[in-house]
Amino acid sequence: MSQIRGLLTGNRSIISLAYSFGLRSMIFAIISLIYAATILFFVGTAALILLAWARRRYPDRSPNDWVYIAVGIILIGSAGIGIAVASQIILALDYMR
């Protein structure tokens, strides 16, 4: 009961409350879902932007190999940005009181 009262008054973080209830696998699933959703959002957004750019720049021909290499590098970079943002979200949720 004290855990619920602590959540309502804002004295404990959500993650520490879940650990006190013994929901470690649930927390792992939530953290994994946050990481997956954030990375998919950043990579998907970058892919849509690059697709629109490629269709506009190369409407009637295929781009050369360097464009594919650059697109791959940009998508990997956007995945890295997604990981960094997801880490900050997890930290913010952990320190939220």
Protein backbone atom coordinates (compact mmCIF):
# COMPACT_ATOMS: atom_id res chain seq x y z
CA MET A 1 0.00 0.00 0.00
CA SER A 2 2.87 2.34 0.71
CA GLN A 3 4.12 1.90 -2.87
CA ILE A 4 0.78 3.07 -4.26
CA ARG A 5 0.68 5.99 -1.84
CA GLY A 6 4.25 6.91 -2.89
CA LEU A 7 3.21 6.86 -6.55
CA LEU A 8 0.22 9.07 -5.88
CA THR A 9 2.23 11.60 -3.91
CA GLY A 10 5.10 11.55 -6.37
CA ASN A 11 7.79 10.42 -3.93
CA ARG A 12 9.04 7.47 -6.01
CA SER A 13 9.87 7.02 -9.64
CA ILE A 14 7.78 4.68 -11.76
CA ILE A 15 10.73 2.38 -12.46
CA SER A 16 11.72 2.05 -8.81
CA LEU A 17 8.08 1.38 -7.96
CA ALA A 18 7.94 -1.42 -10.51
CA TYR A 19 11.16 -2.90 -9.14
CA SER A 20 9.67 -2.90 -5.65
CA PHE A 21 6.69 -4.86 -6.97
CA GLY A 22 9.07 -7.37 -8.58
CA LEU A 23 8.26 -6.53 -12.19
CA ARG A 24 11.78 -6.70 -13.62
CA SER A 25 10.73 -8.45 -16.81
CA MET A 26 7.94 -5.92 -17.29
CA ILE A 27 10.39 -3.05 -16.92
CA PHE A 28 12.74 -4.70 -19.42
CA ALA A 29 9.86 -5.00 -21.88
CA ILE A 30 8.84 -1.36 -21.41
CA ILE A 31 12.42 -0.11 -21.81
CA SER A 32 12.89 -2.29 -24.92
CA LEU A 33 9.64 -0.95 -26.36
CA ILE A 34 10.71 2.65 -25.76
CA TYR A 35 14.06 2.01 -27.47
CA ALA A 36 12.45 0.21 -30.43
CA ALA A 37 9.76 2.84 -30.95
CA THR A 38 12.20 5.75 -30.74
CA ILE A 39 14.72 4.17 -33.12
CA LEU A 40 11.99 3.21 -35.59
CA PHE A 41 10.61 6.74 -35.47
CA PHE A 42 13.99 8.36 -36.23
CA VAL A 43 15.02 5.85 -38.91
CA GLY A 44 11.54 5.91 -40.50
CA THR A 45 11.48 9.69 -40.62
CA ALA A 46 14.95 9.83 -42.16
CA ALA A 47 13.99 7.14 -44.68
CA LEU A 48 10.88 9.05 -45.76
CA ILE A 49 12.87 12.26 -46.17
CA LEU A 50 15.56 10.47 -48.19
CA LEU A 51 12.97 8.70 -50.32
CA ALA A 52 11.28 12.00 -51.18
CA TRP A 53 14.66 13.55 -51.99
CA ALA A 54 15.72 10.64 -54.21
CA ARG A 55 12.43 10.64 -56.12
CA ARG A 56 12.71 14.36 -56.74
CA ARG A 57 16.37 14.32 -57.71
CA TYR A 58 16.26 11.14 -59.81
CA PRO A 59 12.77 10.98 -61.32
CA ASP A 60 13.66 9.05 -64.47
CA ARG A 61 16.95 7.29 -63.68
CA SER A 62 18.57 5.25 -60.97
CA PRO A 63 20.97 6.96 -58.56
CA ASN A 64 24.61 5.90 -58.56
CA ASP A 65 26.24 3.76 -55.88
CA TRP A 66 27.51 6.70 -53.85
CA VAL A 67 23.96 7.80 -53.16
CA TYR A 68 23.16 4.40 -51.68
CA ILE A 69 26.28 4.56 -49.51
CA ALA A 70 25.36 8.05 -48.30
CA VAL A 71 21.79 6.97 -47.56
CA GLY A 72 23.07 4.01 -45.55
CA ILE A 73 25.36 6.26 -43.52
CA ILE A 74 22.51 8.70 -42.87
CA LEU A 75 20.18 5.90 -41.74
CA ILE A 76 22.82 4.48 -39.39
CA GLY A 77 23.38 7.98 -38.02
CA SER A 78 19.67 8.47 -37.45
CA ALA A 79 19.57 5.14 -35.58
CA GLY A 80 22.37 6.44 -33.36
CA ILE A 81 20.43 9.62 -32.70
CA GLY A 82 17.39 7.48 -31.88
CA ILE A 83 19.43 5.48 -29.34
CA ALA A 84 20.66 8.70 -27.72
CA VAL A 85 17.14 10.13 -27.50
CA ALA A 86 15.73 6.86 -26.13
CA SER A 87 18.45 6.82 -23.46
CA GLN A 88 17.47 10.32 -22.41
CA ILE A 89 13.80 9.29 -22.25
CA ILE A 90 14.69 6.33 -20.03
CA LEU A 91 16.79 8.53 -17.76
CA ALA A 92 13.99 11.10 -17.54
CA LEU A 93 11.50 8.39 -16.60
CA ASP A 94 13.88 6.97 -14.02
CA TYR A 95 14.52 10.33 -12.34
CA MET A 96 10.90 11.45 -12.53
CA ARG A 97 9.55 11.89 -9.05
